[in-house]
C-alpha atoms as a PDB file:
ATOM      1  CA  UNK A   1     115.751 134.468 133.988  1.00  0.00           C
ATOM      2  CA  UNK A   2     115.990 133.130 137.691  1.00  0.00           C
ATOM      3  CA  UNK A   3     112.155 133.377 139.486  1.00  0.00           C
ATOM      4  CA  UNK A   4     113.423 136.520 141.535  1.00  0.00           C
ATOM      5  CA  UNK A   5     114.219 138.226 138.313  1.00  0.00           C
ATOM      6  CA  UNK A   6     110.986 137.372 136.742  1.00  0.00           C
ATOM      7  CA  UNK A   7     108.979 138.215 139.798  1.00  0.00           C
ATOM      8  CA  UNK A   8     110.887 141.423 140.307  1.00  0.00           C
ATOM      9  CA  UNK A   9     110.135 142.052 136.356  1.00  0.00           C
ATOM     10  CA  UNK A  10     106.605 141.127 136.446  1.00  0.00           C
ATOM     11  CA  UNK A  11     105.895 143.405 140.120  1.00  0.00           C
ATOM     12  CA  UNK A  12     107.380 146.480 138.082  1.00  0.00           C
ATOM     13  CA  UNK A  13     105.351 146.226 134.984  1.00  0.00           C
ATOM     14  CA  UNK A  14     102.231 145.654 137.040  1.00  0.00           C
ATOM     15  CA  UNK A  15     103.030 148.826 138.827  1.00  0.00           C
ATOM     16  CA  UNK A  16     103.619 150.726 135.551  1.00  0.00           C
ATOM     17  CA  UNK A  17     100.431 149.135 133.948  1.00  0.00           C
ATOM     18  CA  UNK A  18      98.241 150.730 136.874  1.00  0.00           C
ATOM     19  CA  UNK A  19      99.780 153.673 137.042  1.00  0.00           C
ATOM     20  CA  UNK A  20      99.220 154.162 133.445  1.00  0.00           C
ATOM     21  CA  UNK A  21      95.176 152.958 134.320  1.00  0.00           C
ATOM     22  CA  UNK A  22      94.949 155.256 136.591  1.00  0.00           C
ATOM     23  CA  UNK A  23      96.263 157.933 134.505  1.00  0.00           C
ATOM     24  CA  UNK A  24      94.099 157.036 131.424  1.00  0.00           C
ATOM     25  CA  UNK A  25      90.966 157.398 133.558  1.00  0.00           C
ATOM     26  CA  UNK A  26      91.872 160.996 134.379  1.00  0.00           C
ATOM     27  CA  UNK A  27      92.738 162.153 130.905  1.00  0.00           C
ATOM     28  CA  UNK A  28      89.389 160.238 129.515  1.00  0.00           C
ATOM     29  CA  UNK A  29      87.374 162.397 132.273  1.00  0.00           C
ATOM     30  CA  UNK A  30      89.223 165.567 130.888  1.00  0.00           C
ATOM     31  CA  UNK A  31      88.813 164.448 127.076  1.00  0.00           C
ATOM     32  CA  UNK A  32      85.027 163.997 127.761  1.00  0.00           C
ATOM     33  CA  UNK A  33      84.771 167.570 129.203  1.00  0.00           C
ATOM     34  CA  UNK A  34      85.915 168.705 125.848  1.00  0.00           C
ATOM     35  CA  UNK A  35      84.446 170.972 123.327  1.00  0.00           C
ATOM     36  CA  UNK A  36      85.614 172.703 120.402  1.00  0.00           C
ATOM     37  CA  UNK A  37      84.151 175.660 118.244  1.00  0.00           C
ATOM     38  CA  UNK A  38      84.763 176.458 114.163  1.00  0.00           C
ATOM     39  CA  UNK A  39      83.649 179.130 112.665  1.00  0.00           C
ATOM     40  CA  UNK A  40      82.797 179.710 108.662  1.00  0.00           C
ATOM     41  CA  UNK A  41      81.979 183.033 107.093  1.00  0.00           C
ATOM     42  CA  UNK A  42      83.962 185.529 108.737  1.00  0.00           C
ATOM     43  CA  UNK A  43      82.798 184.216 111.958  1.00  0.00           C
ATOM     44  CA  UNK A  44      78.983 184.658 111.152  1.00  0.00           C
ATOM     45  CA  UNK A  45      79.069 180.653 111.397  1.00  0.00           C
ATOM     46  CA  UNK A  46      79.718 179.039 114.589  1.00  0.00           C
ATOM     47  CA  UNK A  47      79.248 175.482 115.171  1.00  0.00           C
ATOM     48  CA  UNK A  48      80.068 173.937 118.481  1.00  0.00           C
ATOM     49  CA  UNK A  49      80.685 169.766 119.034  1.00  0.00           C
ATOM     50  CA  UNK A  50      81.709 168.102 122.071  1.00  0.00           C
ATOM     51  CA  UNK A  51      84.049 165.151 122.877  1.00  0.00           C
ATOM     52  CA  UNK A  52      82.362 162.783 120.921  1.00  0.00           C
ATOM     53  CA  UNK A  53      82.389 164.843 118.079  1.00  0.00           C
ATOM     54  CA  UNK A  54      78.573 165.703 118.162  1.00  0.00           C
ATOM     55  CA  UNK A  55      77.115 169.006 117.074  1.00  0.00           C
ATOM     56  CA  UNK A  56      76.212 170.857 120.415  1.00  0.00           C
ATOM     57  CA  UNK A  57      75.373 174.386 118.963  1.00  0.00           C
ATOM     58  CA  UNK A  58      75.045 175.818 115.723  1.00  0.00           C
ATOM     59  CA  UNK A  59      74.633 180.136 115.792  1.00  0.00           C
ATOM     60  CA  UNK A  60      74.527 181.916 112.656  1.00  0.00           C
ATOM     61  CA  UNK A  61      74.765 185.891 113.144  1.00  0.00           C
ATOM     62  CA  UNK A  62      71.459 187.686 112.488  1.00  0.00           C
ATOM     63  CA  UNK A  63      73.710 189.657 109.702  1.00  0.00           C
ATOM     64  CA  UNK A  64      74.730 186.636 107.970  1.00  0.00           C
ATOM     65  CA  UNK A  65      72.483 187.161 104.634  1.00  0.00           C
ATOM     66  CA  UNK A  66      73.387 190.817 104.352  1.00  0.00           C
ATOM     67  CA  UNK A  67      76.809 189.861 103.679  1.00  0.00           C
ATOM     68  CA  UNK A  68      76.576 185.917 102.187  1.00  0.00           C
ATOM     69  CA  UNK A  69      73.543 183.982 100.680  1.00  0.00           C
ATOM     70  CA  UNK A  70      71.404 182.007 101.752  1.00  0.00           C
ATOM     71  CA  UNK A  71      72.133 179.218  99.461  1.00  0.00           C
ATOM     72  CA  UNK A  72      75.746 179.290 101.018  1.00  0.00           C
ATOM     73  CA  UNK A  73      74.464 178.898 104.380  1.00  0.00           C
ATOM     74  CA  UNK A  74      74.564 174.951 104.287  1.00  0.00           C
ATOM     75  CA  UNK A  75      78.533 174.887 103.085  1.00  0.00           C
ATOM     76  CA  UNK A  76      79.353 177.286 105.939  1.00  0.00           C
ATOM     77  CA  UNK A  77      77.637 175.584 108.546  1.00  0.00           C
ATOM     78  CA  UNK A  78      79.605 172.052 107.484  1.00  0.00           C
ATOM     79  CA  UNK A  79      83.079 174.103 107.368  1.00  0.00           C
ATOM     80  CA  UNK A  80      82.801 175.440 110.463  1.00  0.00           C
ATOM     81  CA  UNK A  81      81.484 171.960 111.960  1.00  0.00           C
ATOM     82  CA  UNK A  82      84.504 170.532 110.317  1.00  0.00           C
ATOM     83  CA  UNK A  83      87.011 172.875 111.859  1.00  0.00           C
ATOM     84  CA  UNK A  84      85.424 172.510 115.501  1.00  0.00           C
ATOM     85  CA  UNK A  85      85.737 168.492 114.788  1.00  0.00           C
ATOM     86  CA  UNK A  86      89.407 169.071 113.659  1.00  0.00           C
ATOM     87  CA  UNK A  87      90.078 171.346 116.481  1.00  0.00           C
ATOM     88  CA  UNK A  88      88.425 168.757 119.113  1.00  0.00           C
ATOM     89  CA  UNK A  89      90.662 165.776 117.845  1.00  0.00           C
ATOM     90  CA  UNK A  90      94.217 167.960 117.867  1.00  0.00           C
ATOM     91  CA  UNK A  91      92.855 168.794 121.651  1.00  0.00           C
ATOM     92  CA  UNK A  92      92.090 165.248 122.480  1.00  0.00           C
ATOM     93  CA  UNK A  93      95.457 164.007 121.088  1.00  0.00           C
ATOM     94  CA  UNK A  94      97.513 166.614 122.857  1.00  0.00           C
ATOM     95  CA  UNK A  95      95.809 165.541 125.917  1.00  0.00           C
ATOM     96  CA  UNK A  96      96.708 161.941 125.298  1.00  0.00           C
ATOM     97  CA  UNK A  97     100.240 162.588 124.490  1.00  0.00           C
ATOM     98  CA  UNK A  98     101.839 162.731 127.585  1.00  0.00           C
ATOM     99  CA  UNK A  99     100.309 158.826 127.812  1.00  0.00           C
ATOM    100  CA  UNK A 100     102.345 157.385 124.742  1.00  0.00           C
ATOM    101  CA  UNK A 101     106.041 157.282 126.596  1.00  0.00           C
ATOM    102  CA  UNK A 102     104.884 154.939 129.558  1.00  0.00           C
ATOM    103  CA  UNK A 103     102.603 153.084 127.278  1.00  0.00           C
ATOM    104  CA  UNK A 104     105.836 152.487 125.092  1.00  0.00           C
ATOM    105  CA  UNK A 105     107.614 151.344 127.792  1.00  0.00           C
ATOM    106  CA  UNK A 106     105.229 148.876 128.966  1.00  0.00           C
ATOM    107  CA  UNK A 107     104.777 147.334 125.460  1.00  0.00           C
ATOM    108  CA  UNK A 108     108.669 146.948 125.186  1.00  0.00           C
ATOM    109  CA  UNK A 109     108.118 144.835 128.507  1.00  0.00           C
ATOM    110  CA  UNK A 110     105.548 142.998 127.306  1.00  0.00           C
ATOM    111  CA  UNK A 111     107.288 139.815 125.673  1.00  0.00           C
ATOM    112  CA  UNK A 112     107.155 138.515 128.989  1.00  0.00           C
ATOM    113  CA  UNK A 113     106.022 134.522 128.302  1.00  0.00           C
ATOM    114  CA  UNK A 114     104.838 134.554 132.050  1.00  0.00           C
ATOM    115  CA  UNK A 115     101.807 136.871 131.348  1.00  0.00           C
ATOM    116  CA  UNK A 116      99.653 135.677 127.958  1.00  0.00           C
ATOM    117  CA  UNK A 117      96.968 137.788 129.042  1.00  0.00           C
ATOM    118  CA  UNK A 118      99.111 140.984 129.408  1.00  0.00           C
ATOM    119  CA  UNK A 119      98.495 141.739 125.434  1.00  0.00           C
ATOM    120  CA  UNK A 120      94.973 141.947 126.057  1.00  0.00           C
ATOM    121  CA  UNK A 121      95.745 144.469 128.678  1.00  0.00           C
ATOM    122  CA  UNK A 122      97.242 146.299 126.504  1.00  0.00           C
ATOM    123  CA  UNK A 123      95.057 146.118 123.977  1.00  0.00           C
ATOM    124  CA  UNK A 124      92.232 147.356 126.239  1.00  0.00           C
ATOM    125  CA  UNK A 125      94.313 150.757 127.310  1.00  0.00           C
ATOM    126  CA  UNK A 126      95.303 151.514 123.677  1.00  0.00           C
ATOM    127  CA  UNK A 127      91.274 150.824 122.769  1.00  0.00           C
ATOM    128  CA  UNK A 128      90.746 153.322 126.205  1.00  0.00           C
ATOM    129  CA  UNK A 129      93.242 156.052 125.370  1.00  0.00           C
ATOM    130  CA  UNK A 130      91.768 156.141 121.286  1.00  0.00           C
ATOM    131  CA  UNK A 131      89.530 159.364 120.752  1.00  0.00           C
ATOM    132  CA  UNK A 132      86.056 157.993 120.832  1.00  0.00           C
ATOM    133  CA  UNK A 133      83.568 158.306 117.129  1.00  0.00           C
ATOM    134  CA  UNK A 134      80.352 156.868 117.475  1.00  0.00           C
ATOM    135  CA  UNK A 135      79.269 156.224 114.821  1.00  0.00           C
ATOM    136  CA  UNK A 136      75.679 157.125 114.829  1.00  0.00           C
ATOM    137  CA  UNK A 137      73.454 159.480 116.578  1.00  0.00           C
ATOM    138  CA  UNK A 138      71.192 157.868 119.101  1.00  0.00           C
ATOM    139  CA  UNK A 139      68.069 158.918 119.794  1.00  0.00           C
ATOM    140  CA  UNK A 140      67.676 157.515 123.335  1.00  0.00           C
ATOM    141  CA  UNK A 141      70.707 160.181 124.517  1.00  0.00           C
ATOM    142  CA  UNK A 142      69.938 162.473 127.031  1.00  0.00           C
ATOM    143  CA  UNK A 143      71.573 165.101 125.283  1.00  0.00           C
ATOM    144  CA  UNK A 144      69.804 164.689 122.071  1.00  0.00           C
ATOM    145  CA  UNK A 145      67.321 167.020 121.251  1.00  0.00           C
ATOM    146  CA  UNK A 146      64.828 167.221 117.890  1.00  0.00           C
ATOM    147  CA  UNK A 147      65.075 170.736 118.119  1.00  0.00           C
ATOM    148  CA  UNK A 148      69.134 170.446 118.004  1.00  0.00           C
ATOM    149  CA  UNK A 149      68.875 169.863 113.832  1.00  0.00           C
ATOM    150  CA  UNK A 150      67.949 173.812 113.904  1.00  0.00           C
ATOM    151  CA  UNK A 151      70.147 176.735 113.695  1.00  0.00           C
ATOM    152  CA  UNK A 152      70.195 179.170 116.679  1.00  0.00           C
ATOM    153  CA  UNK A 153      70.248 183.069 115.293  1.00  0.00           C
ATOM    154  CA  UNK A 154      72.403 185.192 117.043  1.00  0.00           C
ATOM    155  CA  UNK A 155      70.592 188.622 117.377  1.00  0.00           C
END
């Protein structure tokens, strides 16, 4: 490959990467705003999670005990939380799906020997596109509240 052809290909790849990074930033902002609610016990238990899969709200209908046993509340909360996490995962994946085509095209062109750091750029882009799942709750997080561990009783 001559220098002009290589320069043209590098310019094309660079433009594709820049455009992909702009799209990733936009999609990450949209993904960060996602939330989803899961339900259990015929809709009497609702759990809402945010994009990081953190529980943001738990609501128990005040009539729950007239139809279900108190001992079953914890499993119902767990089921609702799992449903919400599953839904948020699906929404995040659907949001990021349009980025996979250009990512694959960029990856196909990544074999260019003149850009050894290009593989690292692609790796960072892939990490940026992956749904974020924190390993633990950070108590210094401004959204963390000691009271958040208690469910809300809906009236």
